[in-house]
PDB file of N, CA and C in Angstrom:
ATOM      1  N   MET A   1      -4.263 -32.653  15.041  1.00  0.00           N
ATOM      2  CA  MET A   1      -3.005 -32.280  14.430  1.00  0.00           C
ATOM      3  C   MET A   1      -3.214 -31.474  13.166  1.00  0.00           C
ATOM      4  N   ALA A   2      -4.397 -31.449  12.628  1.00  0.00           N
ATOM      5  CA  ALA A   2      -4.658 -30.707  11.404  1.00  0.00           C
ATOM      6  C   ALA A   2      -4.532 -29.211  11.641  1.00  0.00           C
ATOM      7  N   GLU A   3      -4.660 -28.755  12.883  1.00  0.00           N
ATOM      8  CA  GLU A   3      -4.575 -27.336  13.181  1.00  0.00           C
ATOM      9  C   GLU A   3      -3.148 -26.814  13.156  1.00  0.00           C
ATOM     10  N   ALA A   4      -2.169 -27.620  13.433  1.00  0.00           N
ATOM     11  CA  ALA A   4      -0.778 -27.182  13.499  1.00  0.00           C
ATOM     12  C   ALA A   4      -0.275 -26.633  12.160  1.00  0.00           C
ATOM     13  N   PRO A   5      -0.489 -27.311  11.032  1.00  0.00           N
ATOM     14  CA  PRO A   5      -0.029 -26.737   9.758  1.00  0.00           C
ATOM     15  C   PRO A   5      -0.760 -25.442   9.409  1.00  0.00           C
ATOM     16  N   ALA A   6      -2.012 -25.357   9.767  1.00  0.00           N
ATOM     17  CA  ALA A   6      -2.764 -24.132   9.478  1.00  0.00           C
ATOM     18  C   ALA A   6      -2.201 -22.963  10.273  1.00  0.00           C
ATOM     19  N   ALA A   7      -1.828 -23.205  11.519  1.00  0.00           N
ATOM     20  CA  ALA A   7      -1.250 -22.149  12.347  1.00  0.00           C
ATOM     21  C   ALA A   7       0.100 -21.731  11.804  1.00  0.00           C
ATOM     22  N   ALA A   8       0.884 -22.684  11.327  1.00  0.00           N
ATOM     23  CA  ALA A   8       2.196 -22.364  10.762  1.00  0.00           C
ATOM     24  C   ALA A   8       2.045 -21.565   9.473  1.00  0.00           C
ATOM     25  N   ALA A   9       1.010 -21.835   8.713  1.00  0.00           N
ATOM     26  CA  ALA A   9       0.808 -21.130   7.454  1.00  0.00           C
ATOM     27  C   ALA A   9       0.444 -19.665   7.695  1.00  0.00           C
ATOM     28  N   LYS A  10      -0.148 -19.337   8.817  1.00  0.00           N
ATOM     29  CA  LYS A  10      -0.550 -17.968   9.131  1.00  0.00           C
ATOM     30  C   LYS A  10       0.569 -17.157   9.776  1.00  0.00           C
ATOM     31  N   LYS A  11       1.720 -17.784   9.991  1.00  0.00           N
ATOM     32  CA  LYS A  11       2.845 -17.128  10.645  1.00  0.00           C
ATOM     33  C   LYS A  11       3.299 -15.927   9.823  1.00  0.00           C
ATOM     34  N   SER A  12       3.651 -14.846  10.491  1.00  0.00           N
ATOM     35  CA  SER A  12       4.123 -13.648   9.804  1.00  0.00           C
ATOM     36  C   SER A  12       5.370 -13.952   9.000  1.00  0.00           C
ATOM     37  N   VAL A  13       5.469 -13.316   7.858  1.00  0.00           N
ATOM     38  CA  VAL A  13       6.607 -13.476   6.977  1.00  0.00           C
ATOM     39  C   VAL A  13       7.397 -12.177   7.003  1.00  0.00           C
ATOM     40  N   LYS A  14       8.703 -12.286   7.061  1.00  0.00           N
ATOM     41  CA  LYS A  14       9.539 -11.092   7.043  1.00  0.00           C
ATOM     42  C   LYS A  14       9.659 -10.639   5.598  1.00  0.00           C
ATOM     43  N   LEU A  15       9.243  -9.411   5.347  1.00  0.00           N
ATOM     44  CA  LEU A  15       9.334  -8.848   4.005  1.00  0.00           C
ATOM     45  C   LEU A  15      10.768  -8.451   3.705  1.00  0.00           C
ATOM     46  N   SER A  16      11.108  -8.427   2.424  1.00  0.00           N
ATOM     47  CA  SER A  16      12.423  -7.945   2.035  1.00  0.00           C
ATOM     48  C   SER A  16      12.521  -6.459   2.398  1.00  0.00           C
ATOM     49  N   TYR A  17      13.720  -5.958   2.435  1.00  0.00           N
ATOM     50  CA  TYR A  17      13.944  -4.560   2.796  1.00  0.00           C
ATOM     51  C   TYR A  17      13.137  -3.620   1.898  1.00  0.00           C
ATOM     52  N   ASN A  18      13.185  -3.856   0.586  1.00  0.00           N
ATOM     53  CA  ASN A  18      12.478  -2.977  -0.349  1.00  0.00           C
ATOM     54  C   ASN A  18      10.960  -3.049  -0.176  1.00  0.00           C
ATOM     55  N   LEU A  19      10.442  -4.256   0.033  1.00  0.00           N
ATOM     56  CA  LEU A  19       8.999  -4.395   0.229  1.00  0.00           C
ATOM     57  C   LEU A  19       8.564  -3.748   1.539  1.00  0.00           C
ATOM     58  N   GLN A  20       9.372  -3.889   2.588  1.00  0.00           N
ATOM     59  CA  GLN A  20       9.039  -3.273   3.868  1.00  0.00           C
ATOM     60  C   GLN A  20       9.045  -1.749   3.751  1.00  0.00           C
ATOM     61  N   ARG A  21      10.014  -1.200   3.033  1.00  0.00           N
ATOM     62  CA  ARG A  21      10.060   0.255   2.819  1.00  0.00           C
ATOM     63  C   ARG A  21       8.840   0.723   2.031  1.00  0.00           C
ATOM     64  N   GLU A  22       8.465  -0.060   1.030  1.00  0.00           N
ATOM     65  CA  GLU A  22       7.277   0.277   0.237  1.00  0.00           C
ATOM     66  C   GLU A  22       6.033   0.251   1.126  1.00  0.00           C
ATOM     67  N   LEU A  23       5.914  -0.788   1.948  1.00  0.00           N
ATOM     68  CA  LEU A  23       4.775  -0.905   2.861  1.00  0.00           C
ATOM     69  C   LEU A  23       4.747   0.259   3.844  1.00  0.00           C
ATOM     70  N   ASP A  24       5.890   0.635   4.378  1.00  0.00           N
ATOM     71  CA  ASP A  24       5.968   1.741   5.330  1.00  0.00           C
ATOM     72  C   ASP A  24       5.599   3.079   4.688  1.00  0.00           C
ATOM     73  N   ALA A  25       5.892   3.250   3.401  1.00  0.00           N
ATOM     74  CA  ALA A  25       5.634   4.509   2.707  1.00  0.00           C
ATOM     75  C   ALA A  25       4.198   4.631   2.208  1.00  0.00           C
ATOM     76  N   LEU A  26       3.532   3.512   2.021  1.00  0.00           N
ATOM     77  CA  LEU A  26       2.193   3.543   1.431  1.00  0.00           C
ATOM     78  C   LEU A  26       1.148   4.307   2.243  1.00  0.00           C
ATOM     79  N   PRO A  27       1.084   4.191   3.563  1.00  0.00           N
ATOM     80  CA  PRO A  27       0.060   4.964   4.281  1.00  0.00           C
ATOM     81  C   PRO A  27       0.173   6.476   4.047  1.00  0.00           C
ATOM     82  N   ALA A  28       1.376   7.001   3.998  1.00  0.00           N
ATOM     83  CA  ALA A  28       1.556   8.433   3.741  1.00  0.00           C
ATOM     84  C   ALA A  28       1.129   8.775   2.316  1.00  0.00           C
ATOM     85  N   GLU A  29       1.462   7.899   1.377  1.00  0.00           N
ATOM     86  CA  GLU A  29       1.076   8.124  -0.019  1.00  0.00           C
ATOM     87  C   GLU A  29      -0.445   8.072  -0.166  1.00  0.00           C
ATOM     88  N   ILE A  30      -1.078   7.123   0.499  1.00  0.00           N
ATOM     89  CA  ILE A  30      -2.534   7.009   0.451  1.00  0.00           C
ATOM     90  C   ILE A  30      -3.172   8.254   1.055  1.00  0.00           C
ATOM     91  N   GLU A  31      -2.648   8.718   2.172  1.00  0.00           N
ATOM     92  CA  GLU A  31      -3.174   9.922   2.807  1.00  0.00           C
ATOM     93  C   GLU A  31      -3.027  11.142   1.894  1.00  0.00           C
ATOM     94  N   ARG A  32      -1.881  11.244   1.223  1.00  0.00           N
ATOM     95  CA  ARG A  32      -1.650  12.356   0.298  1.00  0.00           C
ATOM     96  C   ARG A  32      -2.651  12.309  -0.851  1.00  0.00           C
ATOM     97  N   LEU A  33      -2.844  11.122  -1.419  1.00  0.00           N
ATOM     98  CA  LEU A  33      -3.780  10.963  -2.527  1.00  0.00           C
ATOM     99  C   LEU A  33      -5.217  11.242  -2.094  1.00  0.00           C
ATOM    100  N   GLU A  34      -5.582  10.804  -0.893  1.00  0.00           N
ATOM    101  CA  GLU A  34      -6.929  11.090  -0.378  1.00  0.00           C
ATOM    102  C   GLU A  34      -7.136  12.595  -0.221  1.00  0.00           C
ATOM    103  N   GLY A  35      -6.119  13.292   0.243  1.00  0.00           N
ATOM    104  CA  GLY A  35      -6.210  14.743   0.369  1.00  0.00           C
ATOM    105  C   GLY A  35      -6.364  15.420  -0.978  1.00  0.00           C
ATOM    106  N   GLU A  36      -5.628  14.906  -1.955  1.00  0.00           N
ATOM    107  CA  GLU A  36      -5.717  15.459  -3.306  1.00  0.00           C
ATOM    108  C   GLU A  36      -7.101  15.223  -3.908  1.00  0.00           C
ATOM    109  N   VAL A  37      -7.637  14.024  -3.709  1.00  0.00           N
ATOM    110  CA  VAL A  37      -8.988  13.711  -4.204  1.00  0.00           C
ATOM    111  C   VAL A  37     -10.005  14.630  -3.533  1.00  0.00           C
ATOM    112  N   GLU A  38      -9.877  14.810  -2.223  1.00  0.00           N
ATOM    113  CA  GLU A  38     -10.809  15.668  -1.493  1.00  0.00           C
ATOM    114  C   GLU A  38     -10.750  17.108  -2.001  1.00  0.00           C
ATOM    115  N   ALA A  39      -9.544  17.609  -2.225  1.00  0.00           N
ATOM    116  CA  ALA A  39      -9.398  18.974  -2.720  1.00  0.00           C
ATOM    117  C   ALA A  39     -10.016  19.122  -4.112  1.00  0.00           C
ATOM    118  N   LEU A  40      -9.775  18.146  -4.973  1.00  0.00           N
ATOM    119  CA  LEU A  40     -10.353  18.194  -6.314  1.00  0.00           C
ATOM    120  C   LEU A  40     -11.871  18.094  -6.268  1.00  0.00           C
ATOM    121  N   GLU A  41     -12.394  17.229  -5.410  1.00  0.00           N
ATOM    122  CA  GLU A  41     -13.847  17.094  -5.292  1.00  0.00           C
ATOM    123  C   GLU A  41     -14.475  18.373  -4.758  1.00  0.00           C
ATOM    124  N   ASN A  42     -13.801  19.030  -3.821  1.00  0.00           N
ATOM    125  CA  ASN A  42     -14.317  20.307  -3.310  1.00  0.00           C
ATOM    126  C   ASN A  42     -14.329  21.359  -4.411  1.00  0.00           C
ATOM    127  N   GLU A  43     -13.264  21.388  -5.201  1.00  0.00           N
ATOM    128  CA  GLU A  43     -13.190  22.354  -6.305  1.00  0.00           C
ATOM    129  C   GLU A  43     -14.276  22.080  -7.345  1.00  0.00           C
ATOM    130  N   ILE A  44     -14.472  20.806  -7.661  1.00  0.00           N
ATOM    131  CA  ILE A  44     -15.483  20.433  -8.650  1.00  0.00           C
ATOM    132  C   ILE A  44     -16.887  20.661  -8.100  1.00  0.00           C
ATOM    133  N   GLY A  45     -17.050  20.547  -6.796  1.00  0.00           N
ATOM    134  CA  GLY A  45     -18.348  20.751  -6.165  1.00  0.00           C
ATOM    135  C   GLY A  45     -18.788  22.204  -6.113  1.00  0.00           C
ATOM    136  N   ASP A  46     -17.871  23.104  -6.359  1.00  0.00           N
ATOM    137  CA  ASP A  46     -18.195  24.533  -6.368  1.00  0.00           C
ATOM    138  C   ASP A  46     -19.104  24.830  -7.561  1.00  0.00           C
ATOM    139  N   PRO A  47     -20.238  25.485  -7.332  1.00  0.00           N
ATOM    140  CA  PRO A  47     -21.156  25.777  -8.445  1.00  0.00           C
ATOM    141  C   PRO A  47     -20.506  26.558  -9.590  1.00  0.00           C
ATOM    142  N   ALA A  48     -19.531  27.360  -9.299  1.00  0.00           N
ATOM    143  CA  ALA A  48     -18.869  28.150 -10.338  1.00  0.00           C
ATOM    144  C   ALA A  48     -17.917  27.308 -11.187  1.00  0.00           C
ATOM    145  N   PHE A  49     -17.620  26.111 -10.747  1.00  0.00           N
ATOM    146  CA  PHE A  49     -16.657  25.269 -11.458  1.00  0.00           C
ATOM    147  C   PHE A  49     -17.062  25.043 -12.906  1.00  0.00           C
ATOM    148  N   TYR A  50     -18.318  24.736 -13.133  1.00  0.00           N
ATOM    149  CA  TYR A  50     -18.778  24.404 -14.478  1.00  0.00           C
ATOM    150  C   TYR A  50     -19.021  25.634 -15.346  1.00  0.00           C
ATOM    151  N   GLN A  51     -18.757  26.818 -14.813  1.00  0.00           N
ATOM    152  CA  GLN A  51     -18.877  28.032 -15.611  1.00  0.00           C
ATOM    153  C   GLN A  51     -17.560  28.363 -16.311  1.00  0.00           C
ATOM    154  N   GLN A  52     -16.534  27.545 -16.057  1.00  0.00           N
ATOM    155  CA  GLN A  52     -15.249  27.718 -16.727  1.00  0.00           C
ATOM    156  C   GLN A  52     -15.339  27.202 -18.160  1.00  0.00           C
ATOM    157  N   GLU A  53     -14.250  27.383 -18.889  1.00  0.00           N
ATOM    158  CA  GLU A  53     -14.195  26.839 -20.240  1.00  0.00           C
ATOM    159  C   GLU A  53     -14.232  25.316 -20.171  1.00  0.00           C
ATOM    160  N   ALA A  54     -14.790  24.718 -21.192  1.00  0.00           N
ATOM    161  CA  ALA A  54     -14.969  23.264 -21.231  1.00  0.00           C
ATOM    162  C   ALA A  54     -13.638  22.524 -21.097  1.00  0.00           C
ATOM    163  N   GLU A  55     -12.578  23.055 -21.698  1.00  0.00           N
ATOM    164  CA  GLU A  55     -11.270  22.391 -21.641  1.00  0.00           C
ATOM    165  C   GLU A  55     -10.756  22.330 -20.201  1.00  0.00           C
ATOM    166  N   ALA A  56     -10.950  23.393 -19.445  1.00  0.00           N
ATOM    167  CA  ALA A  56     -10.493  23.437 -18.056  1.00  0.00           C
ATOM    168  C   ALA A  56     -11.288  22.448 -17.202  1.00  0.00           C
ATOM    169  N   VAL A  57     -12.594  22.391 -17.438  1.00  0.00           N
ATOM    170  CA  VAL A  57     -13.451  21.460 -16.695  1.00  0.00           C
ATOM    171  C   VAL A  57     -13.042  20.022 -17.010  1.00  0.00           C
ATOM    172  N   THR A  58     -12.872  19.723 -18.292  1.00  0.00           N
ATOM    173  CA  THR A  58     -12.495  18.376 -18.712  1.00  0.00           C
ATOM    174  C   THR A  58     -11.144  17.982 -18.136  1.00  0.00           C
ATOM    175  N   ALA A  59     -10.194  18.890 -18.169  1.00  0.00           N
ATOM    176  CA  ALA A  59      -8.859  18.603 -17.643  1.00  0.00           C
ATOM    177  C   ALA A  59      -8.915  18.301 -16.149  1.00  0.00           C
ATOM    178  N   LYS A  60      -9.679  19.079 -15.418  1.00  0.00           N
ATOM    179  CA  LYS A  60      -9.790  18.875 -13.965  1.00  0.00           C
ATOM    180  C   LYS A  60     -10.478  17.540 -13.659  1.00  0.00           C
ATOM    181  N   LEU A  61     -11.517  17.213 -14.419  1.00  0.00           N
ATOM    182  CA  LEU A  61     -12.213  15.942 -14.215  1.00  0.00           C
ATOM    183  C   LEU A  61     -11.295  14.757 -14.545  1.00  0.00           C
ATOM    184  N   GLN A  62     -10.476  14.911 -15.574  1.00  0.00           N
ATOM    185  CA  GLN A  62      -9.524  13.856 -15.920  1.00  0.00           C
ATOM    186  C   GLN A  62      -8.452  13.712 -14.839  1.00  0.00           C
ATOM    187  N   THR A  63      -8.038  14.824 -14.275  1.00  0.00           N
ATOM    188  CA  THR A  63      -7.068  14.782 -13.179  1.00  0.00           C
ATOM    189  C   THR A  63      -7.656  14.042 -11.987  1.00  0.00           C
ATOM    190  N   LEU A  64      -8.903  14.345 -11.659  1.00  0.00           N
ATOM    191  CA  LEU A  64      -9.577  13.657 -10.551  1.00  0.00           C
ATOM    192  C   LEU A  64      -9.628  12.159 -10.815  1.00  0.00           C
ATOM    193  N   GLU A  65      -9.994  11.770 -12.006  1.00  0.00           N
ATOM    194  CA  GLU A  65     -10.075  10.349 -12.353  1.00  0.00           C
ATOM    195  C   GLU A  65      -8.704   9.676 -12.219  1.00  0.00           C
ATOM    196  N   LYS A  66      -7.672  10.348 -12.667  1.00  0.00           N
ATOM    197  CA  LYS A  66      -6.309   9.816 -12.589  1.00  0.00           C
ATOM    198  C   LYS A  66      -5.865   9.640 -11.133  1.00  0.00           C
ATOM    199  N   VAL A  67      -6.139  10.639 -10.298  1.00  0.00           N
ATOM    200  CA  VAL A  67      -5.750  10.570  -8.885  1.00  0.00           C
ATOM    201  C   VAL A  67      -6.542   9.475  -8.171  1.00  0.00           C
ATOM    202  N   GLN A  68      -7.832   9.345  -8.488  1.00  0.00           N
ATOM    203  CA  GLN A  68      -8.643   8.289  -7.881  1.00  0.00           C
ATOM    204  C   GLN A  68      -8.107   6.907  -8.258  1.00  0.00           C
ATOM    205  N   LYS A  69      -7.679   6.750  -9.491  1.00  0.00           N
ATOM    206  CA  LYS A  69      -7.108   5.479  -9.946  1.00  0.00           C
ATOM    207  C   LYS A  69      -5.796   5.205  -9.208  1.00  0.00           C
ATOM    208  N   SER A  70      -4.966   6.217  -9.047  1.00  0.00           N
ATOM    209  CA  SER A  70      -3.709   6.062  -8.319  1.00  0.00           C
ATOM    210  C   SER A  70      -3.971   5.663  -6.871  1.00  0.00           C
ATOM    211  N   LEU A  71      -4.993   6.257  -6.276  1.00  0.00           N
ATOM    212  CA  LEU A  71      -5.372   5.922  -4.900  1.00  0.00           C
ATOM    213  C   LEU A  71      -5.811   4.464  -4.814  1.00  0.00           C
ATOM    214  N   GLU A  72      -6.610   4.038  -5.756  1.00  0.00           N
ATOM    215  CA  GLU A  72      -7.085   2.656  -5.784  1.00  0.00           C
ATOM    216  C   GLU A  72      -5.909   1.677  -5.911  1.00  0.00           C
ATOM    217  N   VAL A  73      -4.964   1.987  -6.796  1.00  0.00           N
ATOM    218  CA  VAL A  73      -3.786   1.132  -6.987  1.00  0.00           C
ATOM    219  C   VAL A  73      -2.956   1.079  -5.708  1.00  0.00           C
ATOM    220  N   ALA A  74      -2.751   2.233  -5.063  1.00  0.00           N
ATOM    221  CA  ALA A  74      -1.959   2.289  -3.835  1.00  0.00           C
ATOM    222  C   ALA A  74      -2.627   1.487  -2.719  1.00  0.00           C
ATOM    223  N   MET A  75      -3.941   1.582  -2.605  1.00  0.00           N
ATOM    224  CA  MET A  75      -4.652   0.844  -1.559  1.00  0.00           C
ATOM    225  C   MET A  75      -4.587  -0.663  -1.819  1.00  0.00           C
ATOM    226  N   GLU A  76      -4.720  -1.068  -3.067  1.00  0.00           N
ATOM    227  CA  GLU A  76      -4.626  -2.485  -3.407  1.00  0.00           C
ATOM    228  C   GLU A  76      -3.229  -3.014  -3.094  1.00  0.00           C
ATOM    229  N   ARG A  77      -2.201  -2.232  -3.418  1.00  0.00           N
ATOM    230  CA  ARG A  77      -0.823  -2.649  -3.138  1.00  0.00           C
ATOM    231  C   ARG A  77      -0.586  -2.746  -1.631  1.00  0.00           C
ATOM    232  N   TRP A  78      -1.125  -1.789  -0.880  1.00  0.00           N
ATOM    233  CA  TRP A  78      -0.976  -1.807   0.566  1.00  0.00           C
ATOM    234  C   TRP A  78      -1.610  -3.073   1.155  1.00  0.00           C
ATOM    235  N   MET A  79      -2.821  -3.402   0.693  1.00  0.00           N
ATOM    236  CA  MET A  79      -3.501  -4.606   1.180  1.00  0.00           C
ATOM    237  C   MET A  79      -2.719  -5.860   0.805  1.00  0.00           C
ATOM    238  N   GLU A  80      -2.157  -5.871  -0.401  1.00  0.00           N
ATOM    239  CA  GLU A  80      -1.354  -6.998  -0.858  1.00  0.00           C
ATOM    240  C   GLU A  80      -0.121  -7.201   0.020  1.00  0.00           C
ATOM    241  N   LEU A  81       0.582  -6.106   0.308  1.00  0.00           N
ATOM    242  CA  LEU A  81       1.779  -6.208   1.142  1.00  0.00           C
ATOM    243  C   LEU A  81       1.434  -6.571   2.589  1.00  0.00           C
ATOM    244  N   GLU A  82       0.333  -6.031   3.103  1.00  0.00           N
ATOM    245  CA  GLU A  82      -0.098  -6.377   4.461  1.00  0.00           C
ATOM    246  C   GLU A  82      -0.419  -7.865   4.540  1.00  0.00           C
ATOM    247  N   ALA A  83      -1.093  -8.398   3.535  1.00  0.00           N
ATOM    248  CA  ALA A  83      -1.424  -9.821   3.518  1.00  0.00           C
ATOM    249  C   ALA A  83      -0.156 -10.657   3.419  1.00  0.00           C
ATOM    250  N   LEU A  84       0.791 -10.226   2.618  1.00  0.00           N
ATOM    251  CA  LEU A  84       2.060 -10.931   2.478  1.00  0.00           C
ATOM    252  C   LEU A  84       2.812 -10.945   3.806  1.00  0.00           C
ATOM    253  N   ALA A  85       2.835  -9.812   4.476  1.00  0.00           N
ATOM    254  CA  ALA A  85       3.520  -9.710   5.761  1.00  0.00           C
ATOM    255  C   ALA A  85       2.847 -10.573   6.822  1.00  0.00           C
ATOM    256  N   ALA A  86       1.534 -10.723   6.721  1.00  0.00           N
ATOM    257  CA  ALA A  86       0.785 -11.520   7.693  1.00  0.00           C
ATOM    258  C   ALA A  86       0.838 -13.013   7.358  1.00  0.00           C
ATOM    259  N   GLY A  87       1.445 -13.352   6.219  1.00  0.00           N
ATOM    260  CA  GLY A  87       1.569 -14.744   5.841  1.00  0.00           C
ATOM    261  C   GLY A  87       0.334 -15.328   5.215  1.00  0.00           C
ATOM    262  N   GLU A  88      -0.504 -14.492   4.676  1.00  0.00           N
ATOM    263  CA  GLU A  88      -1.747 -14.963   4.042  1.00  0.00           C
ATOM    264  C   GLU A  88      -1.522 -15.220   2.571  1.00  0.00           C
TER     265      GLU A  88
END
């Protein structure tokens, strides 16, 4: 009988409307952010990139760091909502 409560605890939970909309929107947002990170990394990977003025290089590197952080936050939120929906 110890297995029955454990099975009930894993039951899917219905998310609120707002949380479900957020969960549904996150994969597209993550994909957009991944594309942005890839584009920035390609630009930074260009050998001519570091021949620009220092301010431009620094600004681009800071933008990359900011986008990577946003991606990390979005992925963590997505995992959190998926776990909530799965009843974990």
